[in-house]
Amino acid sequence: MIHRFIAAIVIIWTAGFVWFATVLPGPLPVDVQGARTDAIVVPTGGPGRIERGLEVLDSGLARHMLVSGVDPEVKPGEFAAQFSVSDSTMNCCITLGYAAVDTRGNATEIADWLDANKFRSVRLVTTDWHMSRASGELRHVLPDSVRLVEDATPSAPSLATLFMEYHKLLASRIAWLWQG
């Protein structure tokens, strides 16, 4: 009996991993209904995330952007220089968040920023392999009244990255169940 139980767990885990690794989300096309949001949020940590957020901001699909989890050593001027952002755009439209150190912290920092600014819709820009966990953590702390749009940055993750992220996703889901 125990062998069947273990076999079932292995089959479920394997099927879940294969699904996770092969069905990564992609970027949101610009012409999609509901593509416009009040704000864009970008957790740091993966290549192309900030550039995609700035691209969406420049396209006018949102007027404000939070970059969450910025290293405390990074100053706004350094950020602007690295990503070729004008002073006027930095001053009006981009907030650097320094409070988060992980995905759960990003979700809390983002939710607090959205609430403080009374934003009702947000576009989450993160790497394709990170989207499931990042959006899940964010949905867990956002009120139902806030519309979340997912916009994944394509990547070519290694098997090790996918393996690690899949286990982090499972751990976060188990934590939500445990918390009730």
N, C-alpha and C. Protein backbone atom coordinates (compact mmCIF):
# COMPACT_ATOMS: atom_id res chain seq x y z
N MET A 1 0.82 -1.21 0.00
CA MET A 1 0.00 0.00 0.00
C MET A 1 0.86 1.27 0.00
N ILE A 2 1.91 1.29 0.82
CA ILE A 2 2.77 2.46 0.90
C ILE A 2 3.50 2.69 -0.43
N HIS A 3 3.83 1.60 -1.13
CA HIS A 3 4.51 1.72 -2.42
C HIS A 3 3.61 2.41 -3.45
N ARG A 4 2.34 2.13 -3.42
CA ARG A 4 1.40 2.78 -4.34
C ARG A 4 1.26 4.26 -4.02
N PHE A 5 1.22 4.55 -2.74
CA PHE A 5 1.13 5.95 -2.32
C PHE A 5 2.35 6.73 -2.79
N ILE A 6 3.54 6.18 -2.58
CA ILE A 6 4.78 6.84 -3.01
C ILE A 6 4.82 6.96 -4.53
N ALA A 7 4.39 5.92 -5.23
CA ALA A 7 4.36 5.97 -6.69
C ALA A 7 3.40 7.06 -7.17
N ALA A 8 2.26 7.19 -6.52
CA ALA A 8 1.29 8.22 -6.90
C ALA A 8 1.87 9.61 -6.68
N ILE A 9 2.56 9.81 -5.57
CA ILE A 9 3.19 11.11 -5.28
C ILE A 9 4.24 11.43 -6.34
N VAL A 10 5.06 10.44 -6.71
CA VAL A 10 6.10 10.65 -7.72
C VAL A 10 5.47 11.00 -9.07
N ILE A 11 4.40 10.32 -9.42
CA ILE A 11 3.72 10.59 -10.69
C ILE A 11 3.13 12.00 -10.69
N ILE A 12 2.48 12.37 -9.60
CA ILE A 12 1.89 13.71 -9.49
C ILE A 12 2.97 14.78 -9.55
N TRP A 13 4.07 14.58 -8.82
CA TRP A 13 5.17 15.54 -8.82
C TRP A 13 5.74 15.68 -10.22
N THR A 14 5.98 14.54 -10.89
CA THR A 14 6.57 14.55 -12.23
C THR A 14 5.66 15.26 -13.23
N ALA A 15 4.38 14.94 -13.19
CA ALA A 15 3.43 15.59 -14.10
C ALA A 15 3.37 17.10 -13.84
N GLY A 16 3.39 17.49 -12.57
CA GLY A 16 3.38 18.90 -12.22
C GLY A 16 4.63 19.62 -12.71
N PHE A 17 5.77 18.99 -12.55
CA PHE A 17 7.02 19.60 -13.00
C PHE A 17 7.04 19.73 -14.52
N VAL A 18 6.62 18.69 -15.22
CA VAL A 18 6.60 18.75 -16.69
C VAL A 18 5.67 19.87 -17.15
N TRP A 19 4.51 19.97 -16.54
CA TRP A 19 3.57 21.04 -16.89
C TRP A 19 4.20 22.41 -16.61
N PHE A 20 4.77 22.57 -15.41
CA PHE A 20 5.39 23.84 -15.03
C PHE A 20 6.49 24.24 -16.00
N ALA A 21 7.32 23.29 -16.37
CA ALA A 21 8.49 23.58 -17.20
C ALA A 21 8.14 23.82 -18.67
N THR A 22 7.02 23.29 -19.13
CA THR A 22 6.69 23.40 -20.56
C THR A 22 5.62 24.44 -20.87
N VAL A 23 4.92 24.92 -19.87
CA VAL A 23 3.84 25.88 -20.10
C VAL A 23 4.18 27.21 -19.41
N LEU A 24 5.35 27.75 -19.75
CA LEU A 24 5.73 29.03 -19.18
C LEU A 24 4.94 30.14 -19.87
N PRO A 25 4.48 31.13 -19.09
CA PRO A 25 3.73 32.24 -19.70
C PRO A 25 4.64 33.12 -20.54
N GLY A 26 4.03 33.92 -21.38
CA GLY A 26 4.78 34.83 -22.24
C GLY A 26 4.39 36.26 -22.01
N PRO A 27 4.96 37.17 -22.79
CA PRO A 27 4.61 38.58 -22.65
C PRO A 27 3.16 38.83 -23.07
N LEU A 28 2.57 39.81 -22.45
CA LEU A 28 1.21 40.18 -22.79
C LEU A 28 1.24 41.04 -24.04
N PRO A 29 0.52 40.64 -25.08
CA PRO A 29 0.48 41.49 -26.28
C PRO A 29 -0.13 42.86 -25.94
N VAL A 30 0.36 43.88 -26.58
CA VAL A 30 -0.07 45.25 -26.30
C VAL A 30 -1.55 45.45 -26.59
N ASP A 31 -2.08 44.76 -27.59
CA ASP A 31 -3.47 45.01 -28.00
C ASP A 31 -4.50 44.17 -27.25
N VAL A 32 -4.11 43.50 -26.19
CA VAL A 32 -5.03 42.67 -25.41
C VAL A 32 -6.00 43.56 -24.62
N GLN A 33 -7.26 43.16 -24.60
CA GLN A 33 -8.26 43.87 -23.81
C GLN A 33 -7.81 43.89 -22.35
N GLY A 34 -7.82 45.02 -21.72
CA GLY A 34 -7.41 45.12 -20.32
C GLY A 34 -5.91 45.28 -20.14
N ALA A 35 -5.17 45.55 -21.21
CA ALA A 35 -3.72 45.70 -21.11
C ALA A 35 -3.33 46.96 -20.34
N ARG A 36 -4.19 47.98 -20.36
CA ARG A 36 -3.90 49.22 -19.64
C ARG A 36 -4.17 49.00 -18.15
N THR A 37 -3.23 49.44 -17.31
CA THR A 37 -3.38 49.35 -15.86
C THR A 37 -2.96 50.66 -15.22
N ASP A 38 -3.30 50.82 -13.95
CA ASP A 38 -2.89 52.01 -13.21
C ASP A 38 -1.37 52.03 -13.02
N ALA A 39 -0.78 50.85 -12.83
CA ALA A 39 0.63 50.79 -12.48
C ALA A 39 1.27 49.50 -13.00
N ILE A 40 2.59 49.53 -13.00
CA ILE A 40 3.42 48.37 -13.34
C ILE A 40 4.26 48.08 -12.11
N VAL A 41 4.43 46.80 -11.79
CA VAL A 41 5.34 46.42 -10.72
C VAL A 41 6.33 45.40 -11.26
N VAL A 42 7.59 45.61 -10.90
CA VAL A 42 8.67 44.75 -11.39
C VAL A 42 9.53 44.32 -10.21
N PRO A 43 9.46 43.06 -9.81
CA PRO A 43 10.41 42.58 -8.80
C PRO A 43 11.79 42.40 -9.44
N THR A 44 12.83 42.85 -8.76
CA THR A 44 14.18 42.69 -9.30
C THR A 44 14.57 41.22 -9.29
N GLY A 45 15.61 40.91 -10.05
CA GLY A 45 16.16 39.56 -9.95
C GLY A 45 16.37 38.82 -11.25
N GLY A 46 15.77 39.22 -12.33
CA GLY A 46 15.95 38.49 -13.58
C GLY A 46 16.22 39.44 -14.73
N PRO A 47 17.00 39.00 -15.69
CA PRO A 47 17.29 39.87 -16.84
C PRO A 47 16.04 40.17 -17.65
N GLY A 48 15.96 41.40 -18.12
CA GLY A 48 14.86 41.81 -19.00
C GLY A 48 13.63 42.31 -18.28
N ARG A 49 13.52 42.10 -16.99
CA ARG A 49 12.32 42.51 -16.26
C ARG A 49 12.16 44.03 -16.27
N ILE A 50 13.19 44.73 -15.84
CA ILE A 50 13.10 46.19 -15.74
C ILE A 50 12.93 46.80 -17.12
N GLU A 51 13.67 46.29 -18.09
CA GLU A 51 13.55 46.80 -19.46
C GLU A 51 12.11 46.63 -19.97
N ARG A 52 11.48 45.49 -19.69
CA ARG A 52 10.09 45.26 -20.11
C ARG A 52 9.16 46.23 -19.39
N GLY A 53 9.37 46.43 -18.10
CA GLY A 53 8.55 47.39 -17.36
C GLY A 53 8.65 48.79 -17.94
N LEU A 54 9.87 49.20 -18.27
CA LEU A 54 10.08 50.53 -18.86
C LEU A 54 9.45 50.63 -20.25
N GLU A 55 9.50 49.55 -21.00
CA GLU A 55 8.86 49.52 -22.32
C GLU A 55 7.35 49.73 -22.19
N VAL A 56 6.73 49.07 -21.23
CA VAL A 56 5.29 49.22 -21.01
C VAL A 56 4.98 50.63 -20.53
N LEU A 57 5.81 51.16 -19.63
CA LEU A 57 5.62 52.53 -19.14
C LEU A 57 5.72 53.52 -20.30
N ASP A 58 6.74 53.37 -21.13
CA ASP A 58 6.93 54.27 -22.28
C ASP A 58 5.79 54.17 -23.29
N SER A 59 5.15 53.00 -23.37
CA SER A 59 4.05 52.83 -24.33
C SER A 59 2.76 53.49 -23.86
N GLY A 60 2.73 53.94 -22.60
CA GLY A 60 1.54 54.61 -22.08
C GLY A 60 0.48 53.67 -21.55
N LEU A 61 0.81 52.39 -21.38
CA LEU A 61 -0.17 51.43 -20.87
C LEU A 61 -0.31 51.50 -19.35
N ALA A 62 0.54 52.28 -18.70
CA ALA A 62 0.45 52.58 -17.27
C ALA A 62 1.22 53.87 -17.04
N ARG A 63 0.91 54.54 -15.95
CA ARG A 63 1.56 55.83 -15.70
C ARG A 63 2.58 55.79 -14.57
N HIS A 64 2.61 54.69 -13.82
CA HIS A 64 3.51 54.59 -12.68
C HIS A 64 4.12 53.20 -12.64
N MET A 65 5.36 53.13 -12.10
CA MET A 65 6.04 51.85 -12.01
C MET A 65 6.81 51.76 -10.69
N LEU A 66 6.65 50.62 -10.03
CA LEU A 66 7.43 50.31 -8.84
C LEU A 66 8.41 49.20 -9.19
N VAL A 67 9.68 49.42 -8.87
CA VAL A 67 10.68 48.37 -8.96
C VAL A 67 10.91 47.91 -7.53
N SER A 68 10.49 46.69 -7.23
CA SER A 68 10.53 46.17 -5.87
C SER A 68 11.78 45.35 -5.62
N GLY A 69 12.32 45.47 -4.41
CA GLY A 69 13.48 44.68 -4.04
C GLY A 69 14.79 45.23 -4.54
N VAL A 70 14.87 46.54 -4.70
CA VAL A 70 16.10 47.18 -5.17
C VAL A 70 17.14 47.14 -4.05
N ASP A 71 18.37 46.86 -4.40
CA ASP A 71 19.46 46.86 -3.44
C ASP A 71 19.57 48.25 -2.81
N PRO A 72 19.66 48.34 -1.48
CA PRO A 72 19.73 49.66 -0.82
C PRO A 72 20.91 50.52 -1.28
N GLU A 73 21.92 49.92 -1.86
CA GLU A 73 23.09 50.67 -2.34
C GLU A 73 22.80 51.42 -3.64
N VAL A 74 21.73 51.01 -4.36
CA VAL A 74 21.42 51.62 -5.66
C VAL A 74 20.65 52.92 -5.45
N LYS A 75 21.21 53.98 -5.95
CA LYS A 75 20.57 55.29 -5.85
C LYS A 75 19.75 55.55 -7.12
N PRO A 76 18.71 56.39 -7.02
CA PRO A 76 17.87 56.68 -8.19
C PRO A 76 18.68 57.13 -9.42
N GLY A 77 19.68 57.96 -9.21
CA GLY A 77 20.50 58.42 -10.34
C GLY A 77 21.25 57.28 -11.02
N GLU A 78 21.72 56.33 -10.23
CA GLU A 78 22.41 55.17 -10.78
C GLU A 78 21.45 54.30 -11.58
N PHE A 79 20.26 54.12 -11.03
CA PHE A 79 19.23 53.35 -11.72
C PHE A 79 18.90 54.02 -13.06
N ALA A 80 18.68 55.33 -13.01
CA ALA A 80 18.33 56.09 -14.22
C ALA A 80 19.44 55.97 -15.27
N ALA A 81 20.67 56.07 -14.85
CA ALA A 81 21.79 55.98 -15.79
C ALA A 81 21.89 54.57 -16.39
N GLN A 82 21.74 53.56 -15.55
CA GLN A 82 21.87 52.18 -16.04
C GLN A 82 20.80 51.84 -17.07
N PHE A 83 19.59 52.36 -16.88
CA PHE A 83 18.47 52.00 -17.76
C PHE A 83 18.05 53.14 -18.69
N SER A 84 18.87 54.17 -18.79
CA SER A 84 18.61 55.31 -19.68
C SER A 84 17.22 55.92 -19.46
N VAL A 85 16.93 56.22 -18.19
CA VAL A 85 15.65 56.83 -17.81
C VAL A 85 15.87 58.31 -17.57
N SER A 86 15.04 59.14 -18.15
CA SER A 86 15.17 60.59 -17.97
C SER A 86 14.83 60.98 -16.53
N ASP A 87 15.35 62.14 -16.13
CA ASP A 87 15.05 62.65 -14.79
C ASP A 87 13.55 62.87 -14.62
N SER A 88 12.90 63.39 -15.66
CA SER A 88 11.47 63.67 -15.55
C SER A 88 10.67 62.38 -15.35
N THR A 89 11.06 61.31 -16.05
CA THR A 89 10.37 60.03 -15.88
C THR A 89 10.64 59.45 -14.49
N MET A 90 11.88 59.55 -14.03
CA MET A 90 12.20 59.07 -12.67
C MET A 90 11.36 59.81 -11.63
N ASN A 91 11.26 61.14 -11.79
CA ASN A 91 10.56 61.95 -10.80
C ASN A 91 9.05 61.74 -10.80
N CYS A 92 8.48 61.56 -11.97
CA CYS A 92 7.02 61.47 -12.04
C CYS A 92 6.49 60.05 -11.90
N CYS A 93 7.28 59.09 -12.35
CA CYS A 93 6.63 57.82 -12.66
C CYS A 93 7.26 56.57 -12.07
N ILE A 94 8.48 56.65 -11.58
CA ILE A 94 9.17 55.44 -11.12
C ILE A 94 9.50 55.55 -9.64
N THR A 95 9.12 54.51 -8.91
CA THR A 95 9.44 54.39 -7.49
C THR A 95 10.36 53.19 -7.32
N LEU A 96 11.42 53.39 -6.58
CA LEU A 96 12.32 52.28 -6.25
C LEU A 96 11.97 51.82 -4.84
N GLY A 97 11.66 50.54 -4.72
CA GLY A 97 11.32 49.96 -3.42
C GLY A 97 12.50 49.18 -2.87
N TYR A 98 12.86 49.48 -1.64
CA TYR A 98 14.04 48.89 -1.03
C TYR A 98 13.72 47.89 0.08
N ALA A 99 12.45 47.63 0.35
CA ALA A 99 12.08 46.83 1.51
C ALA A 99 12.16 45.32 1.30
N ALA A 100 12.00 44.86 0.09
CA ALA A 100 11.88 43.41 -0.17
C ALA A 100 13.24 42.75 -0.39
N VAL A 101 13.34 41.52 0.09
CA VAL A 101 14.55 40.72 -0.16
C VAL A 101 14.22 39.38 -0.80
N ASP A 102 12.93 39.08 -0.95
CA ASP A 102 12.52 37.82 -1.57
C ASP A 102 11.13 38.02 -2.19
N THR A 103 10.62 36.97 -2.82
CA THR A 103 9.34 37.08 -3.55
C THR A 103 8.18 37.42 -2.62
N ARG A 104 8.14 36.82 -1.46
CA ARG A 104 7.07 37.14 -0.50
C ARG A 104 7.19 38.60 -0.06
N GLY A 105 8.40 39.07 0.17
CA GLY A 105 8.62 40.47 0.52
C GLY A 105 8.24 41.41 -0.61
N ASN A 106 8.52 40.99 -1.87
CA ASN A 106 8.08 41.77 -3.03
C ASN A 106 6.57 41.95 -2.98
N ALA A 107 5.85 40.86 -2.73
CA ALA A 107 4.39 40.92 -2.72
C ALA A 107 3.89 41.91 -1.67
N THR A 108 4.48 41.88 -0.49
CA THR A 108 4.08 42.79 0.57
C THR A 108 4.41 44.23 0.21
N GLU A 109 5.62 44.46 -0.30
CA GLU A 109 6.02 45.81 -0.69
C GLU A 109 5.10 46.35 -1.80
N ILE A 110 4.79 45.51 -2.77
CA ILE A 110 3.92 45.90 -3.88
C ILE A 110 2.52 46.22 -3.38
N ALA A 111 1.96 45.34 -2.55
CA ALA A 111 0.60 45.56 -2.04
C ALA A 111 0.51 46.85 -1.24
N ASP A 112 1.53 47.12 -0.43
CA ASP A 112 1.53 48.36 0.36
C ASP A 112 1.60 49.59 -0.55
N TRP A 113 2.44 49.52 -1.59
CA TRP A 113 2.57 50.65 -2.53
C TRP A 113 1.27 50.88 -3.29
N LEU A 114 0.65 49.79 -3.76
CA LEU A 114 -0.62 49.92 -4.48
C LEU A 114 -1.69 50.53 -3.60
N ASP A 115 -1.76 50.08 -2.35
CA ASP A 115 -2.74 50.61 -1.41
C ASP A 115 -2.49 52.09 -1.11
N ALA A 116 -1.23 52.45 -0.86
CA ALA A 116 -0.89 53.84 -0.54
C ALA A 116 -1.23 54.78 -1.69
N ASN A 117 -1.16 54.27 -2.92
CA ASN A 117 -1.44 55.10 -4.09
C ASN A 117 -2.86 54.92 -4.64
N LYS A 118 -3.63 54.06 -3.98
CA LYS A 118 -5.04 53.82 -4.36
C LYS A 118 -5.17 53.26 -5.78
N PHE A 119 -4.18 52.49 -6.22
CA PHE A 119 -4.24 51.88 -7.55
C PHE A 119 -5.16 50.67 -7.51
N ARG A 120 -5.96 50.49 -8.56
CA ARG A 120 -6.94 49.40 -8.63
C ARG A 120 -6.59 48.36 -9.68
N SER A 121 -5.54 48.60 -10.46
CA SER A 121 -5.11 47.61 -11.45
C SER A 121 -3.59 47.69 -11.58
N VAL A 122 -2.98 46.53 -11.78
CA VAL A 122 -1.53 46.48 -11.82
C VAL A 122 -1.06 45.41 -12.80
N ARG A 123 0.02 45.72 -13.50
CA ARG A 123 0.66 44.76 -14.39
C ARG A 123 1.92 44.27 -13.69
N LEU A 124 1.99 42.98 -13.46
CA LEU A 124 3.17 42.35 -12.87
C LEU A 124 4.09 41.91 -14.00
N VAL A 125 5.31 42.44 -14.01
CA VAL A 125 6.31 42.07 -15.00
C VAL A 125 7.41 41.30 -14.28
N THR A 126 7.56 40.03 -14.64
CA THR A 126 8.62 39.22 -14.08
C THR A 126 8.99 38.14 -15.09
N THR A 127 10.03 37.40 -14.80
CA THR A 127 10.50 36.37 -15.71
C THR A 127 9.48 35.25 -15.82
N ASP A 128 9.41 34.61 -16.99
CA ASP A 128 8.41 33.56 -17.24
C ASP A 128 8.43 32.45 -16.18
N TRP A 129 9.60 31.98 -15.79
CA TRP A 129 9.69 30.90 -14.81
C TRP A 129 9.31 31.35 -13.40
N HIS A 130 9.30 32.65 -13.14
CA HIS A 130 9.00 33.21 -11.82
C HIS A 130 7.55 33.64 -11.68
N MET A 131 6.81 33.73 -12.80
CA MET A 131 5.48 34.33 -12.80
C MET A 131 4.49 33.58 -11.90
N SER A 132 4.45 32.27 -11.95
CA SER A 132 3.45 31.53 -11.15
C SER A 132 3.58 31.84 -9.67
N ARG A 133 4.79 31.78 -9.16
CA ARG A 133 4.98 32.03 -7.73
C ARG A 133 4.80 33.51 -7.39
N ALA A 134 5.35 34.40 -8.21
CA ALA A 134 5.24 35.84 -7.94
C ALA A 134 3.78 36.29 -7.97
N SER A 135 3.03 35.86 -8.98
CA SER A 135 1.62 36.27 -9.05
C SER A 135 0.81 35.62 -7.94
N GLY A 136 1.14 34.40 -7.59
CA GLY A 136 0.45 33.74 -6.48
C GLY A 136 0.67 34.46 -5.17
N GLU A 137 1.92 34.80 -4.89
CA GLU A 137 2.22 35.54 -3.65
C GLU A 137 1.52 36.89 -3.65
N LEU A 138 1.50 37.55 -4.80
CA LEU A 138 0.85 38.86 -4.88
C LEU A 138 -0.66 38.74 -4.72
N ARG A 139 -1.27 37.77 -5.39
CA ARG A 139 -2.72 37.57 -5.24
C ARG A 139 -3.09 37.25 -3.79
N HIS A 140 -2.18 36.60 -3.10
CA HIS A 140 -2.43 36.21 -1.71
C HIS A 140 -2.56 37.42 -0.78
N VAL A 141 -1.89 38.54 -1.13
CA VAL A 141 -1.93 39.71 -0.25
C VAL A 141 -2.75 40.87 -0.81
N LEU A 142 -3.11 40.81 -2.08
CA LEU A 142 -3.92 41.88 -2.67
C LEU A 142 -5.40 41.69 -2.37
N PRO A 143 -6.12 42.77 -2.19
CA PRO A 143 -7.58 42.64 -2.07
C PRO A 143 -8.17 42.21 -3.43
N ASP A 144 -9.31 41.57 -3.39
CA ASP A 144 -9.96 41.11 -4.62
C ASP A 144 -10.30 42.25 -5.57
N SER A 145 -10.40 43.47 -5.04
CA SER A 145 -10.77 44.62 -5.87
C SER A 145 -9.64 45.09 -6.78
N VAL A 146 -8.42 44.59 -6.60
CA VAL A 146 -7.29 44.99 -7.44
C VAL A 146 -7.13 43.98 -8.57
N ARG A 147 -7.18 44.48 -9.80
CA ARG A 147 -7.01 43.62 -10.98
C ARG A 147 -5.53 43.43 -11.25
N LEU A 148 -5.12 42.17 -11.37
CA LEU A 148 -3.72 41.83 -11.63
C LEU A 148 -3.58 41.28 -13.04
N VAL A 149 -2.69 41.89 -13.82
CA VAL A 149 -2.40 41.46 -15.19
C VAL A 149 -0.98 40.91 -15.19
N GLU A 150 -0.81 39.72 -15.74
CA GLU A 150 0.50 39.07 -15.78
C GLU A 150 1.18 39.32 -17.12
N ASP A 151 2.44 39.75 -17.07
CA ASP A 151 3.22 40.04 -18.27
C ASP A 151 4.61 39.44 -18.08
N ALA A 152 4.82 38.24 -18.60
CA ALA A 152 6.07 37.51 -18.37
C ALA A 152 7.14 37.86 -19.38
N THR A 153 8.35 38.00 -18.89
CA THR A 153 9.51 38.24 -19.73
C THR A 153 10.08 36.89 -20.14
N PRO A 154 10.17 36.62 -21.44
CA PRO A 154 10.70 35.32 -21.88
C PRO A 154 12.16 35.14 -21.48
N SER A 155 12.51 33.89 -21.20
CA SER A 155 13.89 33.57 -20.85
C SER A 155 14.21 32.16 -21.35
N ALA A 156 15.41 31.75 -21.11
CA ALA A 156 15.82 30.38 -21.44
C ALA A 156 16.37 29.76 -20.16
N PRO A 157 15.46 29.41 -19.23
CA PRO A 157 15.93 28.93 -17.93
C PRO A 157 16.59 27.55 -18.04
N SER A 158 17.56 27.34 -17.17
CA SER A 158 18.20 26.03 -17.11
C SER A 158 17.27 25.05 -16.39
N LEU A 159 17.54 23.80 -16.52
CA LEU A 159 16.77 22.78 -15.82
C LEU A 159 16.89 22.98 -14.31
N ALA A 160 18.07 23.38 -13.86
CA ALA A 160 18.27 23.63 -12.43
C ALA A 160 17.39 24.78 -11.95
N THR A 161 17.29 25.85 -12.73
CA THR A 161 16.44 26.99 -12.37
C THR A 161 14.99 26.55 -12.29
N LEU A 162 14.53 25.80 -13.28
CA LEU A 162 13.14 25.32 -13.28
C LEU A 162 12.88 24.39 -12.09
N PHE A 163 13.82 23.52 -11.81
CA PHE A 163 13.69 22.57 -10.70
C PHE A 163 13.56 23.33 -9.38
N MET A 164 14.46 24.30 -9.17
CA MET A 164 14.44 25.08 -7.93
C MET A 164 13.15 25.90 -7.83
N GLU A 165 12.75 26.56 -8.91
CA GLU A 165 11.55 27.39 -8.87
C GLU A 165 10.29 26.56 -8.65
N TYR A 166 10.24 25.37 -9.25
CA TYR A 166 9.08 24.50 -9.05
C TYR A 166 8.94 24.14 -7.57
N HIS A 167 10.04 23.86 -6.92
CA HIS A 167 9.98 23.52 -5.50
C HIS A 167 9.63 24.73 -4.63
N LYS A 168 10.10 25.90 -5.02
CA LYS A 168 9.70 27.11 -4.30
C LYS A 168 8.21 27.37 -4.48
N LEU A 169 7.69 27.12 -5.68
CA LEU A 169 6.25 27.28 -5.93
C LEU A 169 5.45 26.32 -5.07
N LEU A 170 5.87 25.06 -5.03
CA LEU A 170 5.18 24.08 -4.19
C LEU A 170 5.22 24.50 -2.72
N ALA A 171 6.39 24.94 -2.26
CA ALA A 171 6.51 25.36 -0.86
C ALA A 171 5.61 26.55 -0.55
N SER A 172 5.50 27.49 -1.48
CA SER A 172 4.64 28.66 -1.22
C SER A 172 3.18 28.25 -1.17
N ARG A 173 2.77 27.33 -2.04
CA ARG A 173 1.38 26.88 -2.03
C ARG A 173 1.06 26.11 -0.74
N ILE A 174 2.01 25.29 -0.31
CA ILE A 174 1.81 24.55 0.95
C ILE A 174 1.73 25.54 2.12
N ALA A 175 2.55 26.56 2.10
CA ALA A 175 2.51 27.57 3.17
C ALA A 175 1.16 28.27 3.21
N TRP A 176 0.58 28.59 2.02
CA TRP A 176 -0.74 29.22 2.00
C TRP A 176 -1.79 28.30 2.60
N LEU A 177 -1.74 27.02 2.24
CA LEU A 177 -2.69 26.05 2.79
C LEU A 177 -2.53 25.94 4.30
N TRP A 178 -1.30 25.94 4.76
CA TRP A 178 -1.01 25.81 6.19
C TRP A 178 -1.54 27.02 6.95
N GLN A 179 -1.42 28.21 6.36
CA GLN A 179 -1.87 29.43 7.00
C GLN A 179 -3.39 29.56 7.01
N GLY A 180 -4.03 28.84 6.12
CA GLY A 180 -5.47 28.88 6.07
C GLY A 180 -5.99 29.85 5.17
